N, C-alpha and C. Protein backbone atom coordinates (compact mmCIF):
# COMPACT_ATOMS: atom_id res chain seq x y z
N MET A 1 -32.17 -22.82 -4.23
CA MET A 1 -31.51 -23.09 -1.90
C MET A 1 -30.79 -23.47 -1.63
N THR A 2 -29.58 -23.15 -1.18
CA THR A 2 -28.32 -23.78 -0.50
C THR A 2 -28.97 -23.85 0.62
N ALA A 3 -28.96 -25.36 1.37
CA ALA A 3 -29.11 -25.53 2.66
C ALA A 3 -27.57 -27.14 3.04
N VAL A 4 -27.88 -26.49 4.28
CA VAL A 4 -26.48 -27.40 4.92
C VAL A 4 -27.22 -27.71 6.17
N LEU A 5 -26.60 -29.18 6.26
CA LEU A 5 -27.16 -29.87 7.83
C LEU A 5 -25.59 -30.11 8.59
N LEU A 6 -25.32 -29.86 10.13
CA LEU A 6 -24.09 -29.37 10.67
C LEU A 6 -24.00 -30.84 11.47
N ASP A 7 -22.71 -31.43 11.12
CA ASP A 7 -23.32 -32.19 12.52
C ASP A 7 -22.58 -31.78 13.95
N THR A 8 -22.86 -32.74 14.72
CA THR A 8 -22.42 -32.52 16.23
C THR A 8 -21.37 -30.62 16.10
N HIS A 9 -20.08 -31.92 15.98
CA HIS A 9 -18.29 -30.80 16.68
C HIS A 9 -18.15 -29.49 15.13
N ALA A 10 -18.84 -29.96 13.71
CA ALA A 10 -18.87 -28.75 13.14
C ALA A 10 -19.97 -28.03 13.87
N TRP A 11 -21.04 -27.82 13.97
CA TRP A 11 -21.76 -27.35 14.36
C TRP A 11 -21.51 -26.24 16.07
N VAL A 12 -20.51 -26.67 16.80
CA VAL A 12 -20.41 -26.09 18.06
C VAL A 12 -19.03 -25.55 17.45
N TRP A 13 -18.22 -26.40 16.54
CA TRP A 13 -16.91 -25.32 16.11
C TRP A 13 -17.41 -24.30 15.82
N SER A 14 -18.97 -24.48 14.83
CA SER A 14 -19.14 -22.61 14.12
C SER A 14 -19.41 -21.30 15.57
N PHE A 15 -19.69 -21.85 16.23
CA PHE A 15 -20.13 -20.78 17.58
C PHE A 15 -19.23 -20.70 18.24
N ALA A 16 -18.33 -21.75 19.00
CA ALA A 16 -17.20 -21.41 19.17
C ALA A 16 -16.09 -20.50 18.58
N ASP A 17 -16.25 -20.61 17.15
CA ASP A 17 -14.94 -20.04 16.45
C ASP A 17 -14.15 -21.02 16.73
N ASP A 18 -14.23 -22.39 16.62
CA ASP A 18 -12.97 -23.29 16.37
C ASP A 18 -12.12 -23.22 15.64
N ARG A 19 -10.56 -23.49 15.51
CA ARG A 19 -10.06 -22.97 13.85
C ARG A 19 -10.20 -24.52 13.55
N LEU A 20 -10.61 -25.69 14.42
CA LEU A 20 -10.74 -26.74 13.69
C LEU A 20 -11.53 -26.93 12.78
N LEU A 21 -12.31 -25.75 12.44
CA LEU A 21 -13.62 -25.91 11.25
C LEU A 21 -12.51 -25.48 10.29
N SER A 22 -13.09 -26.12 9.61
CA SER A 22 -12.41 -25.89 8.08
C SER A 22 -12.88 -24.33 6.98
N ASP A 23 -11.91 -24.29 7.09
CA ASP A 23 -12.30 -22.67 5.79
C ASP A 23 -13.22 -22.59 4.87
N ARG A 24 -13.15 -24.51 3.86
CA ARG A 24 -14.50 -24.83 3.36
C ARG A 24 -15.43 -24.90 3.95
N ALA A 25 -15.69 -25.48 5.12
CA ALA A 25 -16.92 -25.69 6.07
C ALA A 25 -17.63 -24.48 6.45
N ARG A 26 -17.16 -23.03 6.59
CA ARG A 26 -16.95 -21.93 7.07
C ARG A 26 -18.04 -21.03 5.77
N GLN A 27 -16.97 -21.24 4.37
CA GLN A 27 -17.74 -20.92 3.80
C GLN A 27 -18.51 -21.78 3.51
N ALA A 28 -19.37 -22.66 3.06
CA ALA A 28 -20.24 -23.12 2.63
C ALA A 28 -21.67 -22.70 4.33
N ILE A 29 -20.93 -22.48 5.73
CA ILE A 29 -21.99 -21.78 6.25
C ILE A 29 -22.46 -20.87 6.16
N ALA A 30 -21.16 -19.96 5.79
CA ALA A 30 -22.17 -18.22 5.73
C ALA A 30 -22.39 -18.10 4.38
N GLY A 31 -22.31 -19.04 3.48
CA GLY A 31 -23.14 -18.66 2.03
C GLY A 31 -24.68 -19.34 2.15
N ALA A 32 -24.73 -20.59 2.59
CA ALA A 32 -26.20 -20.94 3.25
C ALA A 32 -27.17 -20.54 3.20
N ASP A 33 -28.32 -20.96 2.56
CA ASP A 33 -29.40 -20.27 2.69
C ASP A 33 -30.20 -20.54 4.27
N ALA A 34 -29.81 -21.75 4.95
CA ALA A 34 -30.17 -22.25 5.21
C ALA A 34 -29.44 -23.16 6.05
N VAL A 35 -29.75 -22.78 7.48
CA VAL A 35 -28.36 -24.19 8.20
C VAL A 35 -29.22 -24.51 9.40
N PHE A 36 -29.14 -25.57 9.04
CA PHE A 36 -29.85 -26.72 9.76
C PHE A 36 -28.66 -27.61 11.15
N VAL A 37 -29.47 -27.86 11.88
CA VAL A 37 -28.45 -29.23 13.40
C VAL A 37 -30.11 -29.22 13.91
N SER A 38 -29.70 -31.01 14.04
CA SER A 38 -30.60 -32.19 14.25
C SER A 38 -30.93 -31.39 15.33
N PRO A 39 -31.46 -32.25 16.12
CA PRO A 39 -31.98 -32.27 17.36
C PRO A 39 -31.17 -33.13 18.14
N ILE A 40 -31.01 -34.26 17.40
CA ILE A 40 -29.92 -35.59 17.18
C ILE A 40 -28.30 -34.42 18.73
N SER A 41 -28.40 -33.58 17.88
CA SER A 41 -26.77 -33.06 17.85
C SER A 41 -27.48 -32.36 19.39
N PHE A 42 -28.53 -31.94 20.25
CA PHE A 42 -28.40 -31.32 21.25
C PHE A 42 -28.87 -32.77 22.24
N PHE A 43 -29.27 -33.62 21.86
CA PHE A 43 -29.12 -34.80 22.79
C PHE A 43 -27.95 -35.04 23.05
N GLU A 44 -26.54 -35.32 22.19
CA GLU A 44 -25.63 -36.15 22.05
C GLU A 44 -24.58 -35.17 23.20
N ILE A 45 -24.87 -34.07 22.93
CA ILE A 45 -24.08 -32.84 23.61
C ILE A 45 -24.23 -33.07 24.59
N GLY A 46 -25.80 -32.82 25.06
CA GLY A 46 -26.09 -33.12 26.50
C GLY A 46 -26.20 -34.86 27.35
N GLN A 47 -25.98 -36.11 26.14
CA GLN A 47 -25.43 -36.60 27.06
C GLN A 47 -23.86 -37.06 26.76
N LYS A 48 -23.72 -36.46 26.00
CA LYS A 48 -21.89 -36.80 26.25
C LYS A 48 -21.29 -35.62 27.53
N VAL A 49 -22.67 -34.52 27.58
CA VAL A 49 -21.72 -33.39 29.02
C VAL A 49 -21.89 -34.47 30.47
N ARG A 50 -22.90 -35.25 30.80
CA ARG A 50 -23.77 -36.15 31.59
C ARG A 50 -22.74 -37.31 31.75
N ILE A 51 -22.14 -38.23 31.71
CA ILE A 51 -21.46 -38.66 31.52
C ILE A 51 -19.75 -38.69 31.22
N GLY A 52 -20.14 -36.98 31.31
CA GLY A 52 -18.64 -36.22 31.65
C GLY A 52 -16.95 -36.27 30.66
N LYS A 53 -17.76 -36.68 29.47
CA LYS A 53 -16.99 -37.00 27.65
C LYS A 53 -17.32 -35.58 27.36
N TRP A 54 -17.56 -34.20 27.63
CA TRP A 54 -17.59 -33.30 26.93
C TRP A 54 -17.69 -32.23 28.07
N PRO A 55 -16.76 -32.23 28.78
CA PRO A 55 -17.02 -31.17 30.31
C PRO A 55 -17.02 -29.48 30.04
N GLU A 56 -16.24 -29.08 28.60
CA GLU A 56 -16.05 -28.01 28.03
C GLU A 56 -16.88 -27.19 28.02
N MET A 57 -18.61 -28.41 27.24
CA MET A 57 -19.73 -27.83 27.03
C MET A 57 -20.80 -27.93 28.11
N GLU A 58 -20.49 -28.40 29.33
CA GLU A 58 -21.00 -27.61 30.58
C GLU A 58 -21.91 -26.97 30.71
N PRO A 59 -21.26 -25.46 30.84
CA PRO A 59 -21.77 -24.33 31.15
C PRO A 59 -22.37 -23.77 30.01
N LEU A 60 -22.53 -24.40 29.09
CA LEU A 60 -23.50 -24.20 27.43
C LEU A 60 -25.07 -24.99 27.06
N VAL A 61 -24.50 -25.14 27.80
CA VAL A 61 -25.74 -26.78 27.61
C VAL A 61 -27.58 -26.33 28.01
N ASP A 62 -27.67 -25.42 28.73
CA ASP A 62 -28.94 -24.99 28.43
C ASP A 62 -29.09 -23.59 27.92
N ASP A 63 -28.13 -23.10 27.13
CA ASP A 63 -28.29 -21.96 26.16
C ASP A 63 -28.15 -22.44 24.58
N LEU A 64 -28.42 -23.90 24.37
CA LEU A 64 -27.80 -24.82 23.13
C LEU A 64 -29.10 -23.52 22.01
N PRO A 65 -31.00 -23.91 22.24
CA PRO A 65 -31.09 -23.39 21.71
C PRO A 65 -31.13 -22.21 21.26
N ARG A 66 -30.61 -20.71 22.03
CA ARG A 66 -30.61 -19.95 22.03
C ARG A 66 -29.03 -19.81 21.38
N ILE A 67 -28.31 -20.69 21.22
CA ILE A 67 -27.21 -19.90 20.37
C ILE A 67 -27.73 -20.32 18.82
N LEU A 68 -28.40 -21.64 18.89
CA LEU A 68 -28.44 -22.07 18.08
C LEU A 68 -29.22 -20.50 16.46
N LEU A 69 -30.50 -19.99 17.49
CA LEU A 69 -31.41 -19.02 17.36
C LEU A 69 -30.28 -17.55 16.69
N ASP A 70 -29.56 -17.59 18.13
CA ASP A 70 -28.82 -16.49 17.36
C ASP A 70 -27.84 -16.63 16.38
N GLN A 71 -27.68 -17.88 16.54
CA GLN A 71 -26.65 -18.18 15.31
C GLN A 71 -27.32 -18.00 13.39
N GLY A 72 -29.24 -18.18 13.37
CA GLY A 72 -29.65 -17.67 12.45
C GLY A 72 -30.39 -19.18 11.62
N GLY A 73 -29.62 -20.30 12.96
CA GLY A 73 -30.23 -21.36 12.03
C GLY A 73 -31.04 -22.26 12.71
N LEU A 74 -31.49 -23.24 12.31
CA LEU A 74 -32.82 -23.80 12.28
C LEU A 74 -32.78 -25.32 12.64
N ALA A 75 -33.73 -25.97 13.83
CA ALA A 75 -33.76 -26.82 13.70
C ALA A 75 -33.86 -27.81 13.32
N ALA A 76 -33.55 -29.12 12.34
CA ALA A 76 -33.78 -30.01 12.19
C ALA A 76 -34.69 -31.02 11.57
N PRO A 77 -36.03 -31.50 10.80
CA PRO A 77 -36.73 -32.48 11.18
C PRO A 77 -36.55 -33.57 12.14
N LEU A 78 -36.71 -34.10 12.60
CA LEU A 78 -36.97 -35.73 13.04
C LEU A 78 -38.16 -35.87 13.12
N THR A 79 -38.48 -37.14 11.58
CA THR A 79 -39.11 -37.86 11.21
C THR A 79 -39.53 -38.99 11.66
N PRO A 80 -40.81 -39.50 12.03
CA PRO A 80 -40.72 -41.44 11.70
C PRO A 80 -39.91 -42.13 10.87
N GLN A 81 -39.56 -41.06 10.12
CA GLN A 81 -39.47 -41.52 8.21
C GLN A 81 -38.13 -41.43 8.60
N ILE A 82 -37.14 -40.56 9.08
CA ILE A 82 -35.62 -40.23 9.68
C ILE A 82 -35.71 -41.29 10.55
N CYS A 83 -36.13 -41.51 11.70
CA CYS A 83 -35.47 -42.61 12.97
C CYS A 83 -35.92 -43.84 11.92
N LEU A 84 -36.94 -44.37 11.32
CA LEU A 84 -37.46 -45.60 10.31
C LEU A 84 -35.60 -45.91 9.72
N ARG A 85 -35.13 -45.07 9.26
CA ARG A 85 -34.17 -44.37 8.22
C ARG A 85 -32.79 -44.76 8.83
N ALA A 86 -32.88 -44.42 10.16
CA ALA A 86 -31.58 -44.17 10.82
C ALA A 86 -31.34 -45.73 11.04
N ALA A 87 -33.03 -46.46 11.86
CA ALA A 87 -32.33 -47.08 11.85
C ALA A 87 -32.26 -48.51 11.03
N THR A 88 -32.50 -48.59 10.39
CA THR A 88 -32.56 -50.16 9.06
C THR A 88 -31.86 -49.55 8.11
N TRP A 89 -31.19 -48.80 8.52
CA TRP A 89 -29.74 -48.83 7.00
C TRP A 89 -29.11 -49.79 6.96
N ASP A 90 -28.37 -50.22 6.21
CA ASP A 90 -28.09 -51.26 5.75
C ASP A 90 -26.18 -50.46 5.69
N TRP A 91 -25.45 -49.80 6.98
CA TRP A 91 -24.29 -49.23 7.58
C TRP A 91 -24.05 -49.98 8.54
N ALA A 92 -22.84 -50.03 8.56
CA ALA A 92 -22.26 -50.88 10.01
C ALA A 92 -21.81 -49.79 11.01
N HIS A 93 -21.62 -48.80 11.47
CA HIS A 93 -22.00 -47.92 12.21
C HIS A 93 -22.64 -47.81 12.91
N ARG A 94 -22.32 -48.18 14.07
CA ARG A 94 -23.96 -48.49 15.27
C ARG A 94 -24.12 -46.98 15.78
N ASP A 95 -22.86 -45.87 15.37
CA ASP A 95 -23.94 -45.18 16.89
C ASP A 95 -25.18 -44.27 16.53
N PRO A 96 -25.75 -44.60 17.51
CA PRO A 96 -27.12 -43.36 16.76
C PRO A 96 -27.29 -42.06 16.75
N PHE A 97 -26.38 -41.25 16.70
CA PHE A 97 -26.61 -40.69 16.65
C PHE A 97 -25.91 -40.05 15.53
N ASP A 98 -24.47 -40.47 15.23
CA ASP A 98 -24.28 -39.96 13.25
C ASP A 98 -25.54 -41.39 12.65
N ARG A 99 -26.13 -41.89 12.64
CA ARG A 99 -26.79 -42.59 12.19
C ARG A 99 -28.31 -41.68 12.07
N LEU A 100 -28.30 -41.02 12.92
CA LEU A 100 -29.91 -40.00 12.85
C LEU A 100 -29.17 -38.71 11.54
N ILE A 101 -28.37 -38.56 11.99
CA ILE A 101 -27.69 -37.13 11.43
C ILE A 101 -27.68 -37.65 9.88
N ALA A 102 -26.76 -38.73 9.70
CA ALA A 102 -26.70 -39.09 8.52
C ALA A 102 -28.44 -39.38 7.97
N ALA A 103 -29.30 -39.96 8.45
CA ALA A 103 -30.52 -39.98 7.61
C ALA A 103 -31.14 -38.49 7.86
N THR A 104 -31.31 -37.46 8.21
CA THR A 104 -31.25 -36.88 8.49
C THR A 104 -30.84 -36.12 7.33
N ALA A 105 -29.76 -36.04 6.77
CA ALA A 105 -29.11 -35.22 5.71
C ALA A 105 -29.55 -36.23 4.56
N ALA A 106 -29.67 -37.06 4.58
CA ALA A 106 -30.48 -37.66 3.55
C ALA A 106 -31.94 -37.74 2.94
N GLU A 107 -32.87 -38.13 4.30
CA GLU A 107 -33.70 -37.50 4.28
C GLU A 107 -34.45 -36.18 3.17
N ALA A 108 -33.32 -34.82 3.50
CA ALA A 108 -33.89 -33.83 3.70
C ALA A 108 -33.30 -33.43 2.46
N ASP A 109 -32.35 -34.25 2.04
CA ASP A 109 -31.24 -34.00 0.15
C ASP A 109 -30.51 -32.93 1.34
N LEU A 110 -29.96 -32.41 2.14
CA LEU A 110 -28.79 -31.41 3.03
C LEU A 110 -27.50 -31.89 2.81
N THR A 111 -26.53 -31.25 1.74
CA THR A 111 -25.55 -31.37 2.33
C THR A 111 -24.85 -31.00 4.06
N LEU A 112 -24.86 -32.64 4.06
CA LEU A 112 -23.72 -32.73 5.35
C LEU A 112 -22.68 -31.53 5.96
N VAL A 113 -22.52 -31.53 6.96
CA VAL A 113 -21.33 -30.97 7.57
C VAL A 113 -20.53 -31.61 8.43
N SER A 114 -19.48 -32.20 8.18
CA SER A 114 -18.57 -33.00 8.97
C SER A 114 -17.44 -33.18 8.72
N ILE A 115 -16.28 -33.55 9.56
CA ILE A 115 -15.13 -34.20 8.99
C ILE A 115 -14.56 -35.64 9.94
N ASP A 116 -15.94 -36.09 10.26
CA ASP A 116 -16.18 -37.65 10.45
C ASP A 116 -16.08 -38.53 9.63
N THR A 117 -14.56 -39.16 9.49
CA THR A 117 -15.12 -40.11 7.89
C THR A 117 -16.03 -41.30 8.18
N ALA A 118 -16.84 -41.69 9.15
CA ALA A 118 -17.64 -42.75 9.85
C ALA A 118 -18.40 -42.42 7.53
N PHE A 119 -19.40 -41.53 7.48
CA PHE A 119 -20.37 -40.86 6.73
C PHE A 119 -19.91 -41.62 5.54
N ILE A 120 -18.77 -41.29 5.12
CA ILE A 120 -18.15 -41.63 3.73
C ILE A 120 -18.48 -42.99 2.90
N PRO A 121 -18.98 -43.96 3.49
CA PRO A 121 -19.73 -45.38 2.51
C PRO A 121 -20.99 -44.92 2.54
N LEU A 122 -21.68 -44.00 2.69
CA LEU A 122 -23.35 -43.55 2.60
C LEU A 122 -23.55 -43.55 0.89
N HIS A 123 -23.84 -44.29 0.02
CA HIS A 123 -24.47 -43.15 -1.00
C HIS A 123 -25.71 -42.57 -0.53
N GLY A 124 -25.55 -41.02 -1.87
CA GLY A 124 -26.24 -40.34 -1.84
C GLY A 124 -26.26 -39.26 -0.76
N ILE A 125 -25.32 -39.30 0.06
CA ILE A 125 -24.45 -38.48 1.13
C ILE A 125 -23.71 -37.04 0.24
N ARG A 126 -24.26 -36.23 0.54
CA ARG A 126 -23.19 -35.00 -0.32
C ARG A 126 -21.98 -34.76 1.01
N MET A 127 -21.54 -34.78 1.08
CA MET A 127 -20.61 -34.59 2.31
C MET A 127 -19.10 -32.98 2.26
N LEU A 128 -19.41 -32.56 3.15
CA LEU A 128 -18.03 -31.43 2.33
C LEU A 128 -17.40 -30.53 3.94
N TRP A 129 -16.21 -31.29 3.88
CA TRP A 129 -15.43 -29.86 4.60
C TRP A 129 -14.46 -29.85 4.74
């Protein structure tokens, strides 16, 4: 079974059909048996809309759960183990959203689809873009 976890931007670019989503990422998403999005991505989008950092997402915030379902995507687990790994991981990156997404990929053994180079130093994380 092929399963991928979409970073927040990759998920948004996938449903917006944004050209910023790489061809390789598109192919991985289309060919995956399961496509996951972390619940923290919903929080990240909502938080950024609330503070004015992602205004173009404001009209879509309430529809995000339906959008994921319409895409055939799944909400990734958010377990105590994921939270603890994210909190205690020896990684200088402080962004809590990225830490939780990376920990989800590691704990669930999912390939992370992301353009974000902050994930590169993490051992054991499979990435593609």
